[in-house]
Protein backbone atom coordinates (compact mmCIF):
# COMPACT_ATOMS: atom_id res chain seq x y z
CA UNK A 1 -0.85 -45.14 44.66
CA UNK A 2 -0.40 -46.82 41.29
CA UNK A 3 2.40 -45.56 39.07
CA UNK A 4 0.97 -43.84 35.97
CA UNK A 5 4.23 -43.08 34.19
CA UNK A 6 5.35 -45.56 31.53
CA UNK A 7 8.73 -47.18 32.11
CA UNK A 8 9.63 -47.08 28.41
CA UNK A 9 8.30 -45.13 25.39
CA UNK A 10 6.72 -48.31 24.02
CA UNK A 11 4.51 -48.48 27.13
CA UNK A 12 3.07 -45.00 26.58
CA UNK A 13 -0.66 -44.85 25.80
CA UNK A 14 -0.75 -41.94 23.33
CA UNK A 15 -4.51 -42.30 22.73
CA UNK A 16 -5.20 -40.01 25.69
CA UNK A 17 -3.32 -37.15 24.01
CA UNK A 18 -3.83 -37.97 20.31
CA UNK A 19 -7.19 -39.78 20.12
CA UNK A 20 -7.51 -39.22 16.36
CA UNK A 21 -4.27 -41.08 15.69
CA UNK A 22 -3.92 -43.86 18.27
CA UNK A 23 -6.47 -46.52 19.28
CA UNK A 24 -7.96 -46.35 22.77
CA UNK A 25 -6.73 -48.78 25.40
CA UNK A 26 -10.24 -50.26 25.66
CA UNK A 27 -10.18 -53.39 23.46
CA UNK A 28 -13.81 -53.04 22.31
CA UNK A 29 -13.34 -49.41 21.25
CA UNK A 30 -9.97 -50.19 19.67
CA UNK A 31 -11.55 -52.82 17.39
CA UNK A 32 -13.60 -50.13 15.60
CA UNK A 33 -10.83 -47.50 15.60
CA UNK A 34 -9.68 -45.88 12.35
CA UNK A 35 -6.65 -43.59 12.53
CA UNK A 36 -6.93 -40.07 11.11
CA UNK A 37 -3.57 -40.59 9.41
CA UNK A 38 -1.99 -44.03 9.76
CA UNK A 39 1.34 -42.85 8.32
CA UNK A 40 1.68 -40.10 10.95
CA UNK A 41 0.63 -42.48 13.72
CA UNK A 42 3.16 -45.09 12.55
CA UNK A 43 5.97 -42.56 13.04
CA UNK A 44 4.76 -41.84 16.56
CA UNK A 45 5.41 -38.69 18.54
CA UNK A 46 8.52 -37.09 17.06
CA UNK A 47 9.04 -34.07 19.32
CA UNK A 48 8.86 -33.64 23.08
CA UNK A 49 9.26 -30.09 24.37
CA UNK A 50 10.16 -30.67 28.01
CA UNK A 51 9.64 -27.56 30.13
CA UNK A 52 7.61 -25.95 27.34
CA UNK A 53 6.48 -22.95 29.40
CA UNK A 54 3.74 -21.18 27.48
CA UNK A 55 4.34 -23.36 24.41
CA UNK A 56 6.14 -20.93 22.11
CA UNK A 57 8.69 -23.49 20.90
CA UNK A 58 6.02 -26.18 20.52
CA UNK A 59 3.88 -23.85 18.41
CA UNK A 60 6.85 -22.95 16.18
CA UNK A 61 7.74 -26.62 15.78
CA UNK A 62 4.13 -27.37 14.80
CA UNK A 63 4.33 -24.68 12.12
CA UNK A 64 7.64 -26.04 10.78
CA UNK A 65 6.62 -29.71 10.97
CA UNK A 66 2.83 -29.84 10.39
CA UNK A 67 2.85 -33.59 9.64
CA UNK A 68 4.57 -34.60 12.89
CA UNK A 69 3.06 -35.32 16.29
CA UNK A 70 4.56 -33.46 19.24
CA UNK A 71 3.88 -32.96 22.91
CA UNK A 72 4.76 -30.12 25.27
CA UNK A 73 5.32 -30.92 28.95
CA UNK A 74 5.36 -28.38 31.76
CA UNK A 75 5.61 -29.17 35.47
CA UNK A 76 4.54 -25.77 36.78
CA UNK A 77 0.73 -25.83 37.09
CA UNK A 78 0.32 -22.07 36.80
CA UNK A 79 2.09 -22.02 33.44
CA UNK A 80 0.06 -24.95 32.12
CA UNK A 81 -3.24 -23.36 33.11
CA UNK A 82 -2.49 -20.16 31.18
CA UNK A 83 -0.85 -21.78 28.15
CA UNK A 84 -2.38 -21.12 24.71
CA UNK A 85 -2.06 -24.87 24.15
CA UNK A 86 -4.59 -25.51 26.90
CA UNK A 87 -4.57 -27.64 30.00
CA UNK A 88 -4.80 -31.37 29.30
CA UNK A 89 -5.87 -32.01 32.91
CA UNK A 90 -9.01 -29.88 32.63
């Protein structure tokens, strides 16, 4: 099985999670890409809520920092399925 996890943050393909901000990995699609907000994209993802549970902290951070990109990560499938933030694997 091929390893999907990036070894360093610079190897992360954020387009899967933030398609409005980061160009797709596909070179042809990337050529026509226009970022929703280039300044926000240039800063990158600023917050990572590891073990976010139902996303309460992530939601509060989004309210406090509306111009920042953030990601919540939860390992427990049952929590992710019922999260108000949705299930990115669906």
